[in-house]
């Protein structure tokens, strides 16, 4: 998805945008954890370049680009053919556990990008005290 968008602009990217794209392309797995300022700093371009690049690709901002990247990275990492073949071959408790963990990670990752998750993070980060209580897993 993202590659196709960049390919359409390939000959028209500014030097700063080419630098940014090279950084993004080399660090796909980590981009989801970046904001505009950190992405700009780590790639060596200005925050305005990050915003402009996202808009030129057809996104409203970095969030849209990250959503596309998240989907691509998820597919590339979780649907690794070697991993799938190994998981599908075995039918033991370890495989069941591994599949459950993968499913839980995918669900967790989907929540991270939601507005609800961002609201929770904002609330917790501004709280004077945070109390945490854990319970054993009750569902199978």
N, C-alpha and C. Protein backbone atom coordinates (compact mmCIF):
# COMPACT_ATOMS: atom_id res chain seq x y z
N UNK A 1 0.82 -1.20 0.00
CA UNK A 1 0.00 0.00 0.00
C UNK A 1 0.86 1.26 0.00
N UNK A 2 1.68 1.38 1.02
CA UNK A 2 2.51 2.57 1.15
C UNK A 2 3.52 2.65 0.01
N UNK A 3 4.11 1.51 -0.35
CA UNK A 3 5.07 1.50 -1.44
C UNK A 3 4.45 2.03 -2.73
N UNK A 4 3.21 1.65 -3.00
CA UNK A 4 2.53 2.10 -4.21
C UNK A 4 2.32 3.61 -4.18
N UNK A 5 1.98 4.14 -3.03
CA UNK A 5 1.79 5.59 -2.91
C UNK A 5 3.09 6.34 -3.15
N UNK A 6 4.17 5.83 -2.59
CA UNK A 6 5.47 6.50 -2.76
C UNK A 6 5.94 6.36 -4.20
N UNK A 7 5.68 5.21 -4.79
CA UNK A 7 6.09 4.97 -6.18
C UNK A 7 5.48 6.00 -7.13
N UNK A 8 4.25 6.41 -6.86
CA UNK A 8 3.59 7.41 -7.70
C UNK A 8 4.31 8.75 -7.65
N UNK A 9 4.94 9.05 -6.52
CA UNK A 9 5.63 10.33 -6.34
C UNK A 9 7.14 10.22 -6.54
N UNK A 10 7.64 9.03 -6.81
CA UNK A 10 9.08 8.76 -6.79
C UNK A 10 9.92 9.83 -7.47
N UNK A 11 9.58 10.24 -8.64
CA UNK A 11 10.39 11.24 -9.34
C UNK A 11 10.20 12.65 -8.83
N UNK A 12 9.20 12.87 -8.01
CA UNK A 12 8.87 14.21 -7.54
C UNK A 12 9.14 14.44 -6.06
N UNK A 13 9.83 13.51 -5.42
CA UNK A 13 10.14 13.69 -4.00
C UNK A 13 11.29 14.67 -3.85
N UNK A 14 11.18 15.52 -2.85
CA UNK A 14 12.28 16.44 -2.54
C UNK A 14 13.41 15.64 -1.89
N UNK A 15 14.60 16.19 -1.84
CA UNK A 15 15.69 15.47 -1.16
C UNK A 15 15.34 15.11 0.29
N UNK A 16 14.68 16.02 1.00
CA UNK A 16 14.30 15.74 2.39
C UNK A 16 13.27 14.62 2.45
N UNK A 17 12.34 14.61 1.51
CA UNK A 17 11.33 13.55 1.48
C UNK A 17 11.97 12.20 1.14
N UNK A 18 12.94 12.20 0.25
CA UNK A 18 13.66 10.96 -0.06
C UNK A 18 14.41 10.44 1.18
N UNK A 19 15.00 11.37 1.92
CA UNK A 19 15.69 10.99 3.16
C UNK A 19 14.71 10.39 4.15
N UNK A 20 13.56 11.04 4.31
CA UNK A 20 12.53 10.55 5.22
C UNK A 20 12.04 9.17 4.79
N UNK A 21 11.77 9.00 3.49
CA UNK A 21 11.28 7.72 2.98
C UNK A 21 12.32 6.62 3.20
N UNK A 22 13.58 6.94 3.00
CA UNK A 22 14.64 5.95 3.21
C UNK A 22 14.65 5.51 4.68
N UNK A 23 14.49 6.47 5.59
CA UNK A 23 14.47 6.13 7.02
C UNK A 23 13.24 5.27 7.34
N UNK A 24 12.08 5.68 6.85
CA UNK A 24 10.85 4.92 7.12
C UNK A 24 11.00 3.50 6.58
N UNK A 25 11.45 3.39 5.36
CA UNK A 25 11.58 2.08 4.71
C UNK A 25 12.56 1.17 5.45
N UNK A 26 13.60 1.74 6.03
CA UNK A 26 14.59 0.95 6.76
C UNK A 26 14.16 0.62 8.18
N UNK A 27 13.12 1.28 8.68
CA UNK A 27 12.70 1.11 10.08
C UNK A 27 11.21 0.86 10.20
N UNK A 28 10.64 0.10 9.29
CA UNK A 28 9.19 -0.11 9.26
C UNK A 28 8.62 -0.60 10.59
N UNK A 29 9.33 -1.50 11.24
CA UNK A 29 8.81 -2.09 12.48
C UNK A 29 8.74 -1.09 13.62
N UNK A 30 9.52 0.00 13.54
CA UNK A 30 9.58 0.96 14.65
C UNK A 30 8.76 2.22 14.41
N UNK A 31 8.32 2.46 13.21
CA UNK A 31 7.62 3.70 12.88
C UNK A 31 6.33 3.84 13.70
N UNK A 32 5.69 2.74 14.00
CA UNK A 32 4.44 2.80 14.77
C UNK A 32 4.63 3.43 16.14
N UNK A 33 5.86 3.44 16.64
CA UNK A 33 6.13 3.98 17.97
C UNK A 33 6.64 5.42 17.92
N UNK A 34 6.69 5.99 16.74
CA UNK A 34 7.21 7.35 16.57
C UNK A 34 6.07 8.36 16.48
N UNK A 35 6.35 9.59 16.87
CA UNK A 35 5.44 10.68 16.57
C UNK A 35 6.15 11.55 15.54
N UNK A 36 5.48 12.59 15.09
CA UNK A 36 6.06 13.42 14.04
C UNK A 36 7.41 14.01 14.41
N UNK A 37 7.53 14.47 15.65
CA UNK A 37 8.79 15.10 16.08
C UNK A 37 9.93 14.10 16.17
N UNK A 38 9.67 12.92 16.75
CA UNK A 38 10.75 11.93 16.86
C UNK A 38 11.12 11.36 15.50
N UNK A 39 10.13 11.18 14.65
CA UNK A 39 10.41 10.70 13.30
C UNK A 39 11.27 11.70 12.54
N UNK A 40 10.94 12.97 12.68
CA UNK A 40 11.72 14.03 12.03
C UNK A 40 13.15 14.02 12.56
N UNK A 41 13.29 13.95 13.87
CA UNK A 41 14.62 13.99 14.48
C UNK A 41 15.46 12.79 14.06
N UNK A 42 14.89 11.61 14.13
CA UNK A 42 15.66 10.40 13.81
C UNK A 42 16.00 10.29 12.33
N UNK A 43 15.13 10.84 11.48
CA UNK A 43 15.39 10.76 10.04
C UNK A 43 16.23 11.92 9.53
N UNK A 44 16.36 12.96 10.37
CA UNK A 44 17.18 14.11 9.98
C UNK A 44 16.48 15.13 9.12
N UNK A 45 15.14 15.17 9.20
CA UNK A 45 14.38 16.17 8.45
C UNK A 45 13.56 17.00 9.44
N UNK A 46 12.87 18.00 8.94
CA UNK A 46 12.06 18.85 9.81
C UNK A 46 10.69 18.22 10.05
N UNK A 47 10.03 18.57 11.15
CA UNK A 47 8.66 18.09 11.38
C UNK A 47 7.71 18.49 10.25
N UNK A 48 7.95 19.66 9.65
CA UNK A 48 7.11 20.08 8.53
C UNK A 48 7.26 19.13 7.34
N UNK A 49 8.46 18.62 7.14
CA UNK A 49 8.68 17.67 6.05
C UNK A 49 7.88 16.40 6.30
N UNK A 50 7.83 15.94 7.54
CA UNK A 50 7.06 14.75 7.88
C UNK A 50 5.58 14.98 7.56
N UNK A 51 5.04 16.11 8.00
CA UNK A 51 3.63 16.43 7.74
C UNK A 51 3.36 16.55 6.25
N UNK A 52 4.21 17.27 5.55
CA UNK A 52 4.03 17.48 4.11
C UNK A 52 4.11 16.15 3.36
N UNK A 53 5.05 15.30 3.74
CA UNK A 53 5.22 14.00 3.09
C UNK A 53 3.95 13.16 3.27
N UNK A 54 3.42 13.13 4.48
CA UNK A 54 2.20 12.37 4.75
C UNK A 54 1.04 12.88 3.90
N UNK A 55 0.88 14.19 3.83
CA UNK A 55 -0.21 14.77 3.03
C UNK A 55 -0.02 14.47 1.54
N UNK A 56 1.20 14.54 1.07
CA UNK A 56 1.46 14.26 -0.35
C UNK A 56 1.13 12.81 -0.70
N UNK A 57 1.25 11.94 0.28
CA UNK A 57 0.92 10.53 0.05
C UNK A 57 -0.58 10.27 0.16
N UNK A 58 -1.34 11.30 0.54
CA UNK A 58 -2.79 11.15 0.63
C UNK A 58 -3.32 10.89 2.02
N UNK A 59 -2.47 10.97 3.02
CA UNK A 59 -2.90 10.79 4.41
C UNK A 59 -3.22 12.14 5.02
N UNK A 60 -4.09 12.14 6.03
CA UNK A 60 -4.37 13.38 6.74
C UNK A 60 -3.20 13.78 7.63
N UNK A 61 -2.43 12.80 8.03
CA UNK A 61 -1.28 13.05 8.89
C UNK A 61 -0.52 11.77 9.12
N UNK A 62 0.39 11.79 10.06
CA UNK A 62 1.23 10.64 10.35
C UNK A 62 0.40 9.45 10.83
N UNK A 63 -0.69 9.71 11.50
CA UNK A 63 -1.52 8.63 12.02
C UNK A 63 -1.99 7.70 10.89
N UNK A 64 -2.44 8.27 9.79
CA UNK A 64 -2.89 7.46 8.66
C UNK A 64 -1.78 6.62 8.07
N UNK A 65 -0.62 7.23 7.93
CA UNK A 65 0.54 6.50 7.41
C UNK A 65 0.89 5.35 8.35
N UNK A 66 0.87 5.61 9.65
CA UNK A 66 1.20 4.58 10.63
C UNK A 66 0.18 3.45 10.61
N UNK A 67 -1.08 3.76 10.37
CA UNK A 67 -2.10 2.71 10.30
C UNK A 67 -1.82 1.78 9.12
N UNK A 68 -1.47 2.35 7.97
CA UNK A 68 -1.12 1.52 6.82
C UNK A 68 0.13 0.69 7.11
N UNK A 69 1.12 1.31 7.70
CA UNK A 69 2.36 0.60 8.03
C UNK A 69 2.10 -0.52 9.03
N UNK A 70 1.26 -0.24 10.00
CA UNK A 70 0.95 -1.25 11.02
C UNK A 70 0.36 -2.49 10.35
N UNK A 71 -0.55 -2.28 9.42
CA UNK A 71 -1.14 -3.41 8.72
C UNK A 71 -0.10 -4.17 7.91
N UNK A 72 0.78 -3.46 7.23
CA UNK A 72 1.82 -4.10 6.43
C UNK A 72 2.79 -4.88 7.31
N UNK A 73 3.23 -4.27 8.38
CA UNK A 73 4.19 -4.93 9.28
C UNK A 73 3.54 -6.15 9.92
N UNK A 74 2.29 -6.03 10.31
CA UNK A 74 1.59 -7.16 10.93
C UNK A 74 1.54 -8.33 9.96
N UNK A 75 1.19 -8.06 8.73
CA UNK A 75 1.11 -9.12 7.74
C UNK A 75 2.49 -9.74 7.51
N UNK A 76 3.51 -8.90 7.37
CA UNK A 76 4.86 -9.42 7.10
C UNK A 76 5.40 -10.21 8.28
N UNK A 77 5.14 -9.76 9.50
CA UNK A 77 5.74 -10.43 10.66
C UNK A 77 4.91 -11.62 11.15
N UNK A 78 3.62 -11.45 11.23
CA UNK A 78 2.79 -12.52 11.79
C UNK A 78 2.47 -13.60 10.77
N UNK A 79 2.47 -13.24 9.51
CA UNK A 79 2.16 -14.23 8.49
C UNK A 79 3.43 -14.74 7.82
N UNK A 80 4.51 -14.71 8.55
CA UNK A 80 5.76 -15.26 8.07
C UNK A 80 5.51 -16.72 7.73
N UNK A 81 5.81 -17.11 6.50
CA UNK A 81 5.47 -18.46 6.04
C UNK A 81 6.16 -19.54 6.87
N UNK A 82 7.37 -19.30 7.30
CA UNK A 82 8.08 -20.28 8.12
C UNK A 82 7.36 -20.48 9.44
N UNK A 83 6.97 -19.37 10.07
CA UNK A 83 6.26 -19.45 11.34
C UNK A 83 4.92 -20.16 11.16
N UNK A 84 4.18 -19.78 10.12
CA UNK A 84 2.88 -20.40 9.88
C UNK A 84 3.02 -21.90 9.65
N UNK A 85 3.99 -22.29 8.85
CA UNK A 85 4.17 -23.71 8.56
C UNK A 85 4.47 -24.48 9.85
N UNK A 86 5.32 -23.90 10.67
CA UNK A 86 5.70 -24.56 11.91
C UNK A 86 4.51 -24.66 12.86
N UNK A 87 3.75 -23.59 12.97
CA UNK A 87 2.60 -23.56 13.87
C UNK A 87 1.51 -24.51 13.39
N UNK A 88 1.29 -24.56 12.08
CA UNK A 88 0.22 -25.40 11.55
C UNK A 88 0.57 -26.88 11.61
N UNK A 89 1.85 -27.22 11.63
CA UNK A 89 2.26 -28.62 11.67
C UNK A 89 2.00 -29.25 13.02
N UNK A 90 2.15 -28.50 14.05
CA UNK A 90 2.05 -29.06 15.39
C UNK A 90 0.65 -28.83 15.95
N UNK A 91 0.21 -29.76 16.74
CA UNK A 91 -1.09 -29.61 17.39
C UNK A 91 -0.94 -29.97 18.86
N UNK A 92 -0.04 -29.29 19.52
CA UNK A 92 0.18 -29.55 20.93
C UNK A 92 -0.17 -28.32 21.76
N UNK A 93 -0.01 -28.43 23.05
CA UNK A 93 -0.36 -27.32 23.94
C UNK A 93 0.47 -26.07 23.67
N UNK A 94 1.75 -26.27 23.34
CA UNK A 94 2.61 -25.13 23.06
C UNK A 94 2.12 -24.36 21.83
N UNK A 95 1.71 -25.08 20.80
CA UNK A 95 1.20 -24.43 19.59
C UNK A 95 -0.09 -23.67 19.88
N UNK A 96 -0.96 -24.28 20.65
CA UNK A 96 -2.21 -23.60 21.03
C UNK A 96 -1.89 -22.33 21.79
N UNK A 97 -0.96 -22.42 22.73
CA UNK A 97 -0.55 -21.25 23.51
C UNK A 97 0.04 -20.18 22.60
N UNK A 98 0.92 -20.57 21.68
CA UNK A 98 1.53 -19.62 20.75
C UNK A 98 0.47 -18.92 19.91
N UNK A 99 -0.48 -19.68 19.39
CA UNK A 99 -1.55 -19.08 18.59
C UNK A 99 -2.39 -18.11 19.41
N UNK A 100 -2.66 -18.46 20.66
CA UNK A 100 -3.41 -17.55 21.54
C UNK A 100 -2.63 -16.27 21.80
N UNK A 101 -1.32 -16.39 22.00
CA UNK A 101 -0.48 -15.21 22.22
C UNK A 101 -0.47 -14.30 20.98
N UNK A 102 -0.34 -14.90 19.81
CA UNK A 102 -0.34 -14.12 18.56
C UNK A 102 -1.66 -13.39 18.41
N UNK A 103 -2.75 -14.09 18.65
CA UNK A 103 -4.08 -13.47 18.55
C UNK A 103 -4.23 -12.32 19.55
N UNK A 104 -3.75 -12.52 20.77
CA UNK A 104 -3.84 -11.46 21.79
C UNK A 104 -3.00 -10.26 21.39
N UNK A 105 -1.81 -10.50 20.85
CA UNK A 105 -0.96 -9.39 20.40
C UNK A 105 -1.60 -8.61 19.27
N UNK A 106 -2.22 -9.30 18.33
CA UNK A 106 -2.89 -8.62 17.22
C UNK A 106 -4.03 -7.76 17.75
N UNK A 107 -4.83 -8.29 18.66
CA UNK A 107 -5.93 -7.52 19.24
C UNK A 107 -5.41 -6.31 20.01
N UNK A 108 -4.34 -6.51 20.77
CA UNK A 108 -3.74 -5.41 21.52
C UNK A 108 -3.25 -4.34 20.56
N UNK A 109 -2.57 -4.75 19.50
CA UNK A 109 -2.02 -3.80 18.54
C UNK A 109 -3.13 -2.99 17.87
N UNK A 110 -4.26 -3.62 17.59
CA UNK A 110 -5.39 -2.91 16.99
C UNK A 110 -5.93 -1.85 17.93
N UNK A 111 -5.90 -2.11 19.22
CA UNK A 111 -6.41 -1.16 20.20
C UNK A 111 -5.51 0.06 20.35
N UNK A 112 -4.21 -0.12 20.19
CA UNK A 112 -3.26 0.97 20.42
C UNK A 112 -3.57 2.18 19.55
N UNK A 113 -4.00 1.96 18.33
CA UNK A 113 -4.26 3.08 17.42
C UNK A 113 -5.61 3.75 17.62
N UNK A 114 -6.45 3.21 18.48
CA UNK A 114 -7.80 3.76 18.63
C UNK A 114 -7.80 5.03 19.48
N UNK A 115 -8.80 5.84 19.27
CA UNK A 115 -8.95 7.06 20.06
C UNK A 115 -9.19 6.71 21.53
N UNK A 116 -9.93 5.64 21.78
CA UNK A 116 -10.21 5.22 23.15
C UNK A 116 -8.89 4.92 23.88
N UNK A 117 -7.99 4.21 23.23
CA UNK A 117 -6.69 3.90 23.84
C UNK A 117 -5.92 5.17 24.13
N UNK A 118 -5.90 6.09 23.18
CA UNK A 118 -5.18 7.35 23.37
C UNK A 118 -5.77 8.15 24.53
N UNK A 119 -7.09 8.12 24.68
CA UNK A 119 -7.75 8.80 25.80
C UNK A 119 -7.33 8.18 27.13
N UNK A 120 -7.25 6.85 27.16
CA UNK A 120 -6.83 6.16 28.38
C UNK A 120 -5.40 6.53 28.74
N UNK A 121 -4.51 6.50 27.77
CA UNK A 121 -3.11 6.85 28.00
C UNK A 121 -3.00 8.27 28.53
N UNK A 122 -3.75 9.18 27.94
CA UNK A 122 -3.73 10.58 28.36
C UNK A 122 -4.20 10.70 29.82
N UNK A 123 -5.28 10.01 30.14
CA UNK A 123 -5.84 10.06 31.49
C UNK A 123 -4.84 9.50 32.51
N UNK A 124 -4.27 8.35 32.21
CA UNK A 124 -3.32 7.73 33.15
C UNK A 124 -2.06 8.57 33.29
N UNK A 125 -1.59 9.12 32.19
CA UNK A 125 -0.34 9.90 32.26
C UNK A 125 -0.51 11.20 33.04
N UNK A 126 -1.74 11.70 33.15
CA UNK A 126 -1.98 12.93 33.88
C UNK A 126 -2.44 12.69 35.31
N UNK A 127 -2.68 11.44 35.64
CA UNK A 127 -3.17 11.12 36.99
C UNK A 127 -2.05 11.29 38.02
N UNK A 128 -2.45 11.78 39.18
CA UNK A 128 -1.48 11.93 40.26
C UNK A 128 -1.08 10.57 40.83
N UNK A 129 -2.05 9.67 40.94
CA UNK A 129 -1.81 8.31 41.44
C UNK A 129 -2.52 7.34 40.52
N UNK A 130 -1.90 6.21 40.29
CA UNK A 130 -2.50 5.14 39.49
C UNK A 130 -2.38 3.85 40.29
N UNK A 131 -3.50 3.21 40.54
CA UNK A 131 -3.52 1.95 41.26
C UNK A 131 -3.82 0.85 40.27
N UNK A 132 -3.06 -0.22 40.33
CA UNK A 132 -3.21 -1.33 39.40
C UNK A 132 -3.52 -2.59 40.19
N UNK A 133 -4.50 -3.32 39.72
CA UNK A 133 -4.89 -4.57 40.36
C UNK A 133 -5.00 -5.63 39.27
N UNK A 134 -4.36 -6.75 39.46
CA UNK A 134 -4.41 -7.82 38.47
C UNK A 134 -5.21 -9.00 38.98
N UNK A 135 -5.85 -9.67 38.07
CA UNK A 135 -6.62 -10.86 38.39
C UNK A 135 -6.16 -12.00 37.49
N UNK A 136 -6.32 -13.18 37.97
CA UNK A 136 -5.99 -14.33 37.13
C UNK A 136 -6.93 -14.37 35.95
N UNK A 137 -6.47 -14.93 34.89
CA UNK A 137 -7.31 -15.06 33.70
C UNK A 137 -8.45 -16.00 34.02
N UNK A 138 -9.67 -15.56 33.74
CA UNK A 138 -10.83 -16.38 34.08
C UNK A 138 -11.46 -17.04 32.87
N UNK A 139 -11.10 -16.61 31.67
CA UNK A 139 -11.69 -17.19 30.47
C UNK A 139 -10.66 -18.07 29.77
N UNK A 140 -11.14 -19.10 29.15
CA UNK A 140 -10.22 -20.02 28.45
C UNK A 140 -10.10 -19.65 26.99
